Amino acid sequence: FGKGGKDLDAAFYYARALANAGRIDESAKHFERILAAKPQIFQITVAQTYVKILVDNGRLEQALKVISNQRKKGENTSRFMESEYRLIRGKLDESHS
């Protein structure tokens, strides 16, 4: 993982495996490390997978934060996962009413 390249791929698959095993906290740590390893690169697949895992496990605020952080990557990313963002925002608004 620390060397980049293929190690990031391995970390991605490991993070997914952890999530599939229900180890969401551990999985999240790995996803965060992967995204932080190349902050200048918009890692679409990693971010989308991470958000889906978070949503599927009821971690809506955390998912919203990931989407928001990815949207700050550049001009072309401002609408990243727009439909998911709206859905999550709606669910959070409902739960706070």
PDB file of N, CA and C in Angstrom:
ATOM      1  N   PHE A   1       0.831  -1.199   0.000  1.00  0.00           N
ATOM      2  CA  PHE A   1       0.000   0.000   0.000  1.00  0.00           C
ATOM      3  C   PHE A   1       0.867   1.251   0.000  1.00  0.00           C
ATOM      4  N   GLY A   2       1.895   1.271   0.831  1.00  0.00           N
ATOM      5  CA  GLY A   2       2.728   2.456   0.962  1.00  0.00           C
ATOM      6  C   GLY A   2       3.494   2.817  -0.293  1.00  0.00           C
ATOM      7  N   LYS A   3       3.652   1.869  -1.224  1.00  0.00           N
ATOM      8  CA  LYS A   3       4.421   2.115  -2.435  1.00  0.00           C
ATOM      9  C   LYS A   3       3.568   2.600  -3.601  1.00  0.00           C
ATOM     10  N   GLY A   4       2.264   2.625  -3.440  1.00  0.00           N
ATOM     11  CA  GLY A   4       1.385   3.103  -4.503  1.00  0.00           C
ATOM     12  C   GLY A   4       1.107   2.049  -5.551  1.00  0.00           C
ATOM     13  N   GLY A   5       0.527   2.485  -6.663  1.00  0.00           N
ATOM     14  CA  GLY A   5       0.266   1.592  -7.781  1.00  0.00           C
ATOM     15  C   GLY A   5      -0.584   0.389  -7.440  1.00  0.00           C
ATOM     16  N   LYS A   6      -0.047  -0.772  -7.701  1.00  0.00           N
ATOM     17  CA  LYS A   6      -0.787  -2.004  -7.487  1.00  0.00           C
ATOM     18  C   LYS A   6      -1.148  -2.213  -6.026  1.00  0.00           C
ATOM     19  N   ASP A   7      -0.360  -1.683  -5.141  1.00  0.00           N
ATOM     20  CA  ASP A   7      -0.679  -1.816  -3.722  1.00  0.00           C
ATOM     21  C   ASP A   7      -1.992  -1.104  -3.385  1.00  0.00           C
ATOM     22  N   LEU A   8      -2.278   0.002  -4.053  1.00  0.00           N
ATOM     23  CA  LEU A   8      -3.555   0.689  -3.842  1.00  0.00           C
ATOM     24  C   LEU A   8      -4.701  -0.168  -4.350  1.00  0.00           C
ATOM     25  N   ASP A   9      -4.471  -0.877  -5.440  1.00  0.00           N
ATOM     26  CA  ASP A   9      -5.496  -1.798  -5.938  1.00  0.00           C
ATOM     27  C   ASP A   9      -5.777  -2.883  -4.910  1.00  0.00           C
ATOM     28  N   ALA A  10      -4.726  -3.428  -4.344  1.00  0.00           N
ATOM     29  CA  ALA A  10      -4.893  -4.465  -3.319  1.00  0.00           C
ATOM     30  C   ALA A  10      -5.632  -3.912  -2.108  1.00  0.00           C
ATOM     31  N   ALA A  11      -5.302  -2.690  -1.714  1.00  0.00           N
ATOM     32  CA  ALA A  11      -5.977  -2.062  -0.573  1.00  0.00           C
ATOM     33  C   ALA A  11      -7.460  -1.850  -0.872  1.00  0.00           C
ATOM     34  N   PHE A  12      -7.775  -1.493  -2.113  1.00  0.00           N
ATOM     35  CA  PHE A  12      -9.164  -1.303  -2.522  1.00  0.00           C
ATOM     36  C   PHE A  12      -9.945  -2.618  -2.395  1.00  0.00           C
ATOM     37  N   TYR A  13      -9.379  -3.688  -2.912  1.00  0.00           N
ATOM     38  CA  TYR A  13     -10.071  -4.982  -2.829  1.00  0.00           C
ATOM     39  C   TYR A  13     -10.179  -5.463  -1.384  1.00  0.00           C
ATOM     40  N   TYR A  14      -9.160  -5.179  -0.598  1.00  0.00           N
ATOM     41  CA  TYR A  14      -9.198  -5.545   0.818  1.00  0.00           C
ATOM     42  C   TYR A  14     -10.287  -4.758   1.549  1.00  0.00           C
ATOM     43  N   ALA A  15     -10.388  -3.467   1.259  1.00  0.00           N
ATOM     44  CA  ALA A  15     -11.422  -2.632   1.885  1.00  0.00           C
ATOM     45  C   ALA A  15     -12.810  -3.147   1.524  1.00  0.00           C
ATOM     46  N   ARG A  16     -12.999  -3.542   0.274  1.00  0.00           N
ATOM     47  CA  ARG A  16     -14.286  -4.109  -0.142  1.00  0.00           C
ATOM     48  C   ARG A  16     -14.561  -5.425   0.574  1.00  0.00           C
ATOM     49  N   ALA A  17     -13.540  -6.255   0.707  1.00  0.00           N
ATOM     50  CA  ALA A  17     -13.713  -7.543   1.395  1.00  0.00           C
ATOM     51  C   ALA A  17     -14.092  -7.328   2.861  1.00  0.00           C
ATOM     52  N   LEU A  18     -13.453  -6.361   3.496  1.00  0.00           N
ATOM     53  CA  LEU A  18     -13.797  -6.048   4.881  1.00  0.00           C
ATOM     54  C   LEU A  18     -15.251  -5.608   4.991  1.00  0.00           C
ATOM     55  N   ALA A  19     -15.691  -4.782   4.071  1.00  0.00           N
ATOM     56  CA  ALA A  19     -17.081  -4.321   4.076  1.00  0.00           C
ATOM     57  C   ALA A  19     -18.037  -5.491   3.884  1.00  0.00           C
ATOM     58  N   ASN A  20     -17.696  -6.383   2.966  1.00  0.00           N
ATOM     59  CA  ASN A  20     -18.540  -7.555   2.726  1.00  0.00           C
ATOM     60  C   ASN A  20     -18.634  -8.451   3.956  1.00  0.00           C
ATOM     61  N   ALA A  21     -17.597  -8.411   4.782  1.00  0.00           N
ATOM     62  CA  ALA A  21     -17.577  -9.201   6.012  1.00  0.00           C
ATOM     63  C   ALA A  21     -18.229  -8.455   7.177  1.00  0.00           C
ATOM     64  N   GLY A  22     -18.752  -7.261   6.890  1.00  0.00           N
ATOM     65  CA  GLY A  22     -19.418  -6.481   7.926  1.00  0.00           C
ATOM     66  C   GLY A  22     -18.484  -5.680   8.808  1.00  0.00           C
ATOM     67  N   ARG A  23     -17.238  -5.580   8.423  1.00  0.00           N
ATOM     68  CA  ARG A  23     -16.239  -4.840   9.200  1.00  0.00           C
ATOM     69  C   ARG A  23     -16.096  -3.428   8.625  1.00  0.00           C
ATOM     70  N   ILE A  24     -17.158  -2.658   8.783  1.00  0.00           N
ATOM     71  CA  ILE A  24     -17.289  -1.363   8.125  1.00  0.00           C
ATOM     72  C   ILE A  24     -16.280  -0.342   8.641  1.00  0.00           C
ATOM     73  N   ASP A  25     -16.043  -0.314   9.941  1.00  0.00           N
ATOM     74  CA  ASP A  25     -15.074   0.649  10.479  1.00  0.00           C
ATOM     75  C   ASP A  25     -13.685   0.416   9.893  1.00  0.00           C
ATOM     76  N   GLU A  26     -13.263  -0.837   9.832  1.00  0.00           N
ATOM     77  CA  GLU A  26     -11.953  -1.150   9.258  1.00  0.00           C
ATOM     78  C   GLU A  26     -11.929  -0.821   7.773  1.00  0.00           C
ATOM     79  N   SER A  27     -13.001  -1.172   7.094  1.00  0.00           N
ATOM     80  CA  SER A  27     -13.106  -0.886   5.668  1.00  0.00           C
ATOM     81  C   SER A  27     -12.991   0.611   5.412  1.00  0.00           C
ATOM     82  N   ALA A  28     -13.698   1.400   6.198  1.00  0.00           N
ATOM     83  CA  ALA A  28     -13.684   2.855   6.035  1.00  0.00           C
ATOM     84  C   ALA A  28     -12.277   3.413   6.193  1.00  0.00           C
ATOM     85  N   LYS A  29     -11.531   2.890   7.143  1.00  0.00           N
ATOM     86  CA  LYS A  29     -10.154   3.364   7.337  1.00  0.00           C
ATOM     87  C   LYS A  29      -9.322   3.137   6.076  1.00  0.00           C
ATOM     88  N   HIS A  30      -9.503   1.980   5.458  1.00  0.00           N
ATOM     89  CA  HIS A  30      -8.740   1.682   4.244  1.00  0.00           C
ATOM     90  C   HIS A  30      -9.187   2.556   3.081  1.00  0.00           C
ATOM     91  N   PHE A  31     -10.493   2.748   2.934  1.00  0.00           N
ATOM     92  CA  PHE A  31     -10.968   3.639   1.868  1.00  0.00           C
ATOM     93  C   PHE A  31     -10.429   5.048   2.056  1.00  0.00           C
ATOM     94  N   GLU A  32     -10.428   5.540   3.281  1.00  0.00           N
ATOM     95  CA  GLU A  32      -9.905   6.887   3.554  1.00  0.00           C
ATOM     96  C   GLU A  32      -8.418   6.967   3.200  1.00  0.00           C
ATOM     97  N   ARG A  33      -7.663   5.922   3.538  1.00  0.00           N
ATOM     98  CA  ARG A  33      -6.224   5.907   3.216  1.00  0.00           C
ATOM     99  C   ARG A  33      -6.003   5.891   1.709  1.00  0.00           C
ATOM    100  N   ILE A  34      -6.824   5.130   0.987  1.00  0.00           N
ATOM    101  CA  ILE A  34      -6.685   5.059  -0.466  1.00  0.00           C
ATOM    102  C   ILE A  34      -6.960   6.425  -1.083  1.00  0.00           C
ATOM    103  N   LEU A  35      -8.046   7.050  -0.670  1.00  0.00           N
ATOM    104  CA  LEU A  35      -8.392   8.364  -1.213  1.00  0.00           C
ATOM    105  C   LEU A  35      -7.334   9.412  -0.857  1.00  0.00           C
ATOM    106  N   ALA A  36      -6.774   9.316   0.341  1.00  0.00           N
ATOM    107  CA  ALA A  36      -5.758  10.279   0.775  1.00  0.00           C
ATOM    108  C   ALA A  36      -4.406  10.046   0.107  1.00  0.00           C
ATOM    109  N   ALA A  37      -4.170   8.831  -0.393  1.00  0.00           N
ATOM    110  CA  ALA A  37      -2.873   8.508  -0.998  1.00  0.00           C
ATOM    111  C   ALA A  37      -2.617   9.292  -2.279  1.00  0.00           C
ATOM    112  N   LYS A  38      -3.688   9.632  -2.982  1.00  0.00           N
ATOM    113  CA  LYS A  38      -3.551  10.397  -4.224  1.00  0.00           C
ATOM    114  C   LYS A  38      -4.614  11.494  -4.241  1.00  0.00           C
ATOM    115  N   PRO A  39      -4.448  12.483  -3.376  1.00  0.00           N
ATOM    116  CA  PRO A  39      -5.491  13.505  -3.241  1.00  0.00           C
ATOM    117  C   PRO A  39      -5.709  14.347  -4.495  1.00  0.00           C
ATOM    118  N   GLN A  40      -4.710  14.434  -5.346  1.00  0.00           N
ATOM    119  CA  GLN A  40      -4.825  15.233  -6.558  1.00  0.00           C
ATOM    120  C   GLN A  40      -5.591  14.502  -7.661  1.00  0.00           C
ATOM    121  N   ILE A  41      -5.814  13.211  -7.469  1.00  0.00           N
ATOM    122  CA  ILE A  41      -6.499  12.398  -8.470  1.00  0.00           C
ATOM    123  C   ILE A  41      -7.923  12.120  -8.017  1.00  0.00           C
ATOM    124  N   PHE A  42      -8.859  12.280  -8.937  1.00  0.00           N
ATOM    125  CA  PHE A  42     -10.259  12.001  -8.658  1.00  0.00           C
ATOM    126  C   PHE A  42     -10.472  10.503  -8.867  1.00  0.00           C
ATOM    127  N   GLN A  43     -10.528   9.768  -7.783  1.00  0.00           N
ATOM    128  CA  GLN A  43     -10.652   8.314  -7.814  1.00  0.00           C
ATOM    129  C   GLN A  43     -12.138   7.928  -7.811  1.00  0.00           C
ATOM    130  N   ILE A  44     -12.739   7.985  -8.979  1.00  0.00           N
ATOM    131  CA  ILE A  44     -14.183   7.824  -9.110  1.00  0.00           C
ATOM    132  C   ILE A  44     -14.668   6.479  -8.576  1.00  0.00           C
ATOM    133  N   THR A  45     -14.074   5.399  -9.031  1.00  0.00           N
ATOM    134  CA  THR A  45     -14.543   4.070  -8.641  1.00  0.00           C
ATOM    135  C   THR A  45     -14.390   3.846  -7.151  1.00  0.00           C
ATOM    136  N   VAL A  46     -13.278   4.272  -6.599  1.00  0.00           N
ATOM    137  CA  VAL A  46     -13.044   4.120  -5.161  1.00  0.00           C
ATOM    138  C   VAL A  46     -14.092   4.900  -4.376  1.00  0.00           C
ATOM    139  N   ALA A  47     -14.299   6.149  -4.753  1.00  0.00           N
ATOM    140  CA  ALA A  47     -15.254   6.994  -4.039  1.00  0.00           C
ATOM    141  C   ALA A  47     -16.678   6.459  -4.168  1.00  0.00           C
ATOM    142  N   GLN A  48     -17.066   6.042  -5.377  1.00  0.00           N
ATOM    143  CA  GLN A  48     -18.417   5.511  -5.573  1.00  0.00           C
ATOM    144  C   GLN A  48     -18.642   4.243  -4.748  1.00  0.00           C
ATOM    145  N   THR A  49     -17.672   3.368  -4.759  1.00  0.00           N
ATOM    146  CA  THR A  49     -17.791   2.124  -3.999  1.00  0.00           C
ATOM    147  C   THR A  49     -17.898   2.416  -2.505  1.00  0.00           C
ATOM    148  N   TYR A  50     -17.063   3.311  -2.035  1.00  0.00           N
ATOM    149  CA  TYR A  50     -17.053   3.691  -0.625  1.00  0.00           C
ATOM    150  C   TYR A  50     -18.402   4.276  -0.213  1.00  0.00           C
ATOM    151  N   VAL A  51     -18.930   5.189  -1.024  1.00  0.00           N
ATOM    152  CA  VAL A  51     -20.221   5.804  -0.717  1.00  0.00           C
ATOM    153  C   VAL A  51     -21.314   4.739  -0.671  1.00  0.00           C
ATOM    154  N   LYS A  52     -21.318   3.833  -1.635  1.00  0.00           N
ATOM    155  CA  LYS A  52     -22.336   2.781  -1.665  1.00  0.00           C
ATOM    156  C   LYS A  52     -22.278   1.923  -0.407  1.00  0.00           C
ATOM    157  N   ILE A  53     -21.075   1.566   0.012  1.00  0.00           N
ATOM    158  CA  ILE A  53     -20.911   0.772   1.232  1.00  0.00           C
ATOM    159  C   ILE A  53     -21.444   1.534   2.438  1.00  0.00           C
ATOM    160  N   LEU A  54     -21.109   2.799   2.518  1.00  0.00           N
ATOM    161  CA  LEU A  54     -21.574   3.610   3.643  1.00  0.00           C
ATOM    162  C   LEU A  54     -23.099   3.713   3.661  1.00  0.00           C
ATOM    163  N   VAL A  55     -23.695   3.985   2.518  1.00  0.00           N
ATOM    164  CA  VAL A  55     -25.159   4.103   2.430  1.00  0.00           C
ATOM    165  C   VAL A  55     -25.813   2.773   2.786  1.00  0.00           C
ATOM    166  N   ASP A  56     -25.290   1.685   2.225  1.00  0.00           N
ATOM    167  CA  ASP A  56     -25.857   0.361   2.496  1.00  0.00           C
ATOM    168  C   ASP A  56     -25.801  -0.010   3.971  1.00  0.00           C
ATOM    169  N   ASN A  57     -24.905   0.628   4.696  1.00  0.00           N
ATOM    170  CA  ASN A  57     -24.747   0.331   6.123  1.00  0.00           C
ATOM    171  C   ASN A  57     -25.272   1.457   7.011  1.00  0.00           C
ATOM    172  N   GLY A  58     -26.081   2.323   6.439  1.00  0.00           N
ATOM    173  CA  GLY A  58     -26.751   3.362   7.207  1.00  0.00           C
ATOM    174  C   GLY A  58     -25.880   4.506   7.674  1.00  0.00           C
ATOM    175  N   ARG A  59     -24.736   4.662   7.080  1.00  0.00           N
ATOM    176  CA  ARG A  59     -23.817   5.741   7.475  1.00  0.00           C
ATOM    177  C   ARG A  59     -23.962   6.920   6.520  1.00  0.00           C
ATOM    178  N   LEU A  60     -25.140   7.505   6.557  1.00  0.00           N
ATOM    179  CA  LEU A  60     -25.491   8.531   5.587  1.00  0.00           C
ATOM    180  C   LEU A  60     -24.674   9.804   5.728  1.00  0.00           C
ATOM    181  N   GLU A  61     -24.457  10.250   6.943  1.00  0.00           N
ATOM    182  CA  GLU A  61     -23.670  11.480   7.129  1.00  0.00           C
ATOM    183  C   GLU A  61     -22.240  11.295   6.647  1.00  0.00           C
ATOM    184  N   GLN A  62     -21.677  10.131   6.904  1.00  0.00           N
ATOM    185  CA  GLN A  62     -20.323   9.840   6.462  1.00  0.00           C
ATOM    186  C   GLN A  62     -20.279   9.785   4.928  1.00  0.00           C
ATOM    187  N   ALA A  63     -21.297   9.190   4.316  1.00  0.00           N
ATOM    188  CA  ALA A  63     -21.372   9.116   2.848  1.00  0.00           C
ATOM    189  C   ALA A  63     -21.469  10.510   2.246  1.00  0.00           C
ATOM    190  N   LEU A  64     -22.281  11.349   2.851  1.00  0.00           N
ATOM    191  CA  LEU A  64     -22.440  12.714   2.374  1.00  0.00           C
ATOM    192  C   LEU A  64     -21.112  13.473   2.441  1.00  0.00           C
ATOM    193  N   LYS A  65     -20.358  13.224   3.491  1.00  0.00           N
ATOM    194  CA  LYS A  65     -19.052  13.871   3.654  1.00  0.00           C
ATOM    195  C   LYS A  65     -18.084  13.425   2.551  1.00  0.00           C
ATOM    196  N   VAL A  66     -18.098  12.127   2.230  1.00  0.00           N
ATOM    197  CA  VAL A  66     -17.224  11.621   1.170  1.00  0.00           C
ATOM    198  C   VAL A  66     -17.586  12.278  -0.153  1.00  0.00           C
ATOM    199  N   ILE A  67     -18.881  12.325  -0.466  1.00  0.00           N
ATOM    200  CA  ILE A  67     -19.315  12.965  -1.712  1.00  0.00           C
ATOM    201  C   ILE A  67     -18.881  14.429  -1.727  1.00  0.00           C
ATOM    202  N   SER A  68     -19.124  15.132  -0.648  1.00  0.00           N
ATOM    203  CA  SER A  68     -18.763  16.554  -0.575  1.00  0.00           C
ATOM    204  C   SER A  68     -17.270  16.763  -0.771  1.00  0.00           C
ATOM    205  N   ASN A  69     -16.461  15.923  -0.153  1.00  0.00           N
ATOM    206  CA  ASN A  69     -15.002  16.041  -0.310  1.00  0.00           C
ATOM    207  C   ASN A  69     -14.574  15.788  -1.746  1.00  0.00           C
ATOM    208  N   GLN A  70     -15.195  14.815  -2.393  1.00  0.00           N
ATOM    209  CA  GLN A  70     -14.838  14.516  -3.781  1.00  0.00           C
ATOM    210  C   GLN A  70     -15.267  15.642  -4.714  1.00  0.00           C
ATOM    211  N   ARG A  71     -16.352  16.297  -4.387  1.00  0.00           N
ATOM    212  CA  ARG A  71     -16.845  17.402  -5.211  1.00  0.00           C
ATOM    213  C   ARG A  71     -15.904  18.600  -5.188  1.00  0.00           C
ATOM    214  N   LYS A  72     -15.044  18.672  -4.219  1.00  0.00           N
ATOM    215  CA  LYS A  72     -14.090  19.776  -4.109  1.00  0.00           C
ATOM    216  C   LYS A  72     -12.832  19.550  -4.935  1.00  0.00           C
ATOM    217  N   LYS A  73     -12.747  18.412  -5.602  1.00  0.00           N
ATOM    218  CA  LYS A  73     -11.533  18.056  -6.342  1.00  0.00           C
ATOM    219  C   LYS A  73     -11.290  18.946  -7.552  1.00  0.00           C
ATOM    220  N   GLY A  74     -12.346  19.493  -8.120  1.00  0.00           N
ATOM    221  CA  GLY A  74     -12.151  20.332  -9.290  1.00  0.00           C
ATOM    222  C   GLY A  74     -13.465  20.787  -9.877  1.00  0.00           C
ATOM    223  N   GLU A  75     -13.349  21.556 -10.930  1.00  0.00           N
ATOM    224  CA  GLU A  75     -14.512  22.140 -11.585  1.00  0.00           C
ATOM    225  C   GLU A  75     -15.469  21.079 -12.108  1.00  0.00           C
ATOM    226  N   ASN A  76     -14.933  20.000 -12.641  1.00  0.00           N
ATOM    227  CA  ASN A  76     -15.753  18.956 -13.252  1.00  0.00           C
ATOM    228  C   ASN A  76     -16.346  17.975 -12.251  1.00  0.00           C
ATOM    229  N   THR A  77     -16.041  18.128 -10.998  1.00  0.00           N
ATOM    230  CA  THR A  77     -16.517  17.164  -9.997  1.00  0.00           C
ATOM    231  C   THR A  77     -17.634  17.716  -9.124  1.00  0.00           C
ATOM    232  N   SER A  78     -18.100  18.904  -9.423  1.00  0.00           N
ATOM    233  CA  SER A  78     -19.064  19.571  -8.544  1.00  0.00           C
ATOM    234  C   SER A  78     -20.416  18.873  -8.461  1.00  0.00           C
ATOM    235  N   ARG A  79     -20.725  18.000  -9.406  1.00  0.00           N
ATOM    236  CA  ARG A  79     -22.000  17.290  -9.377  1.00  0.00           C
ATOM    237  C   ARG A  79     -21.794  15.781  -9.221  1.00  0.00           C
ATOM    238  N   PHE A  80     -20.657  15.396  -8.693  1.00  0.00           N
ATOM    239  CA  PHE A  80     -20.339  13.990  -8.470  1.00  0.00           C
ATOM    240  C   PHE A  80     -21.419  13.324  -7.630  1.00  0.00           C
ATOM    241  N   MET A  81     -21.943  12.220  -8.135  1.00  0.00           N
ATOM    242  CA  MET A  81     -22.971  11.427  -7.454  1.00  0.00           C
ATOM    243  C   MET A  81     -24.172  12.288  -7.049  1.00  0.00           C
ATOM    244  N   GLU A  82     -24.637  13.112  -7.976  1.00  0.00           N
ATOM    245  CA  GLU A  82     -25.710  14.059  -7.687  1.00  0.00           C
ATOM    246  C   GLU A  82     -26.984  13.376  -7.200  1.00  0.00           C
ATOM    247  N   SER A  83     -27.413  12.310  -7.870  1.00  0.00           N
ATOM    248  CA  SER A  83     -28.659  11.658  -7.450  1.00  0.00           C
ATOM    249  C   SER A  83     -28.518  11.025  -6.072  1.00  0.00           C
ATOM    250  N   GLU A  84     -27.365  10.424  -5.810  1.00  0.00           N
ATOM    251  CA  GLU A  84     -27.119   9.841  -4.496  1.00  0.00           C
ATOM    252  C   GLU A  84     -27.061  10.927  -3.420  1.00  0.00           C
ATOM    253  N   TYR A  85     -26.424  12.041  -3.777  1.00  0.00           N
ATOM    254  CA  TYR A  85     -26.317  13.168  -2.844  1.00  0.00           C
ATOM    255  C   TYR A  85     -27.710  13.652  -2.438  1.00  0.00           C
ATOM    256  N   ARG A  86     -28.579  13.818  -3.429  1.00  0.00           N
ATOM    257  CA  ARG A  86     -29.945  14.286  -3.144  1.00  0.00           C
ATOM    258  C   ARG A  86     -30.719  13.282  -2.301  1.00  0.00           C
ATOM    259  N   LEU A  87     -30.578  12.011  -2.638  1.00  0.00           N
ATOM    260  CA  LEU A  87     -31.267  10.963  -1.883  1.00  0.00           C
ATOM    261  C   LEU A  87     -30.810  10.937  -0.426  1.00  0.00           C
ATOM    262  N   ILE A  88     -29.510  10.984  -0.216  1.00  0.00           N
ATOM    263  CA  ILE A  88     -28.961  10.974   1.147  1.00  0.00           C
ATOM    264  C   ILE A  88     -29.398  12.225   1.901  1.00  0.00           C
ATOM    265  N   ARG A  89     -29.293  13.364   1.242  1.00  0.00           N
ATOM    266  CA  ARG A  89     -29.685  14.633   1.867  1.00  0.00           C
ATOM    267  C   ARG A  89     -31.161  14.563   2.287  1.00  0.00           C
ATOM    268  N   GLY A  90     -32.014  14.016   1.427  1.00  0.00           N
ATOM    269  CA  GLY A  90     -33.433  13.875   1.731  1.00  0.00           C
ATOM    270  C   GLY A  90     -33.671  12.971   2.923  1.00  0.00           C
ATOM    271  N   LYS A  91     -32.983  11.856   2.977  1.00  0.00           N
ATOM    272  CA  LYS A  91     -33.127  10.931   4.113  1.00  0.00           C
ATOM    273  C   LYS A  91     -32.672  11.576   5.409  1.00  0.00           C
ATOM    274  N   LEU A  92     -31.577  12.304   5.333  1.00  0.00           N
ATOM    275  CA  LEU A  92     -31.070  12.977   6.550  1.00  0.00           C
ATOM    276  C   LEU A  92     -32.031  14.064   7.005  1.00  0.00           C
ATOM    277  N   ASP A  93     -32.584  14.807   6.055  1.00  0.00           N
ATOM    278  CA  ASP A  93     -33.539  15.846   6.402  1.00  0.00           C
ATOM    279  C   ASP A  93     -34.785  15.247   7.062  1.00  0.00           C
ATOM    280  N   GLU A  94     -35.262  14.105   6.538  1.00  0.00           N
ATOM    281  CA  GLU A  94     -36.417  13.409   7.114  1.00  0.00           C
ATOM    282  C   GLU A  94     -36.144  12.948   8.537  1.00  0.00           C
ATOM    283  N   SER A  95     -34.950  12.427   8.745  1.00  0.00           N
ATOM    284  CA  SER A  95     -34.623  11.890  10.074  1.00  0.00           C
ATOM    285  C   SER A  95     -34.427  12.977  11.120  1.00  0.00           C
ATOM    286  N   HIS A  96     -34.123  14.188  10.663  1.00  0.00           N
ATOM    287  CA  HIS A  96     -33.927  15.298  11.598  1.00  0.00           C
ATOM    288  C   HIS A  96     -35.205  16.093  11.845  1.00  0.00           C
ATOM    289  N   SER A  97     -36.303  15.744  11.148  1.00  0.00           N
ATOM    290  CA  SER A  97     -37.568  16.481  11.329  1.00  0.00           C
ATOM    291  C   SER A  97     -38.413  15.871  12.417  1.00  0.00           C
TER     292      SER A  97
END
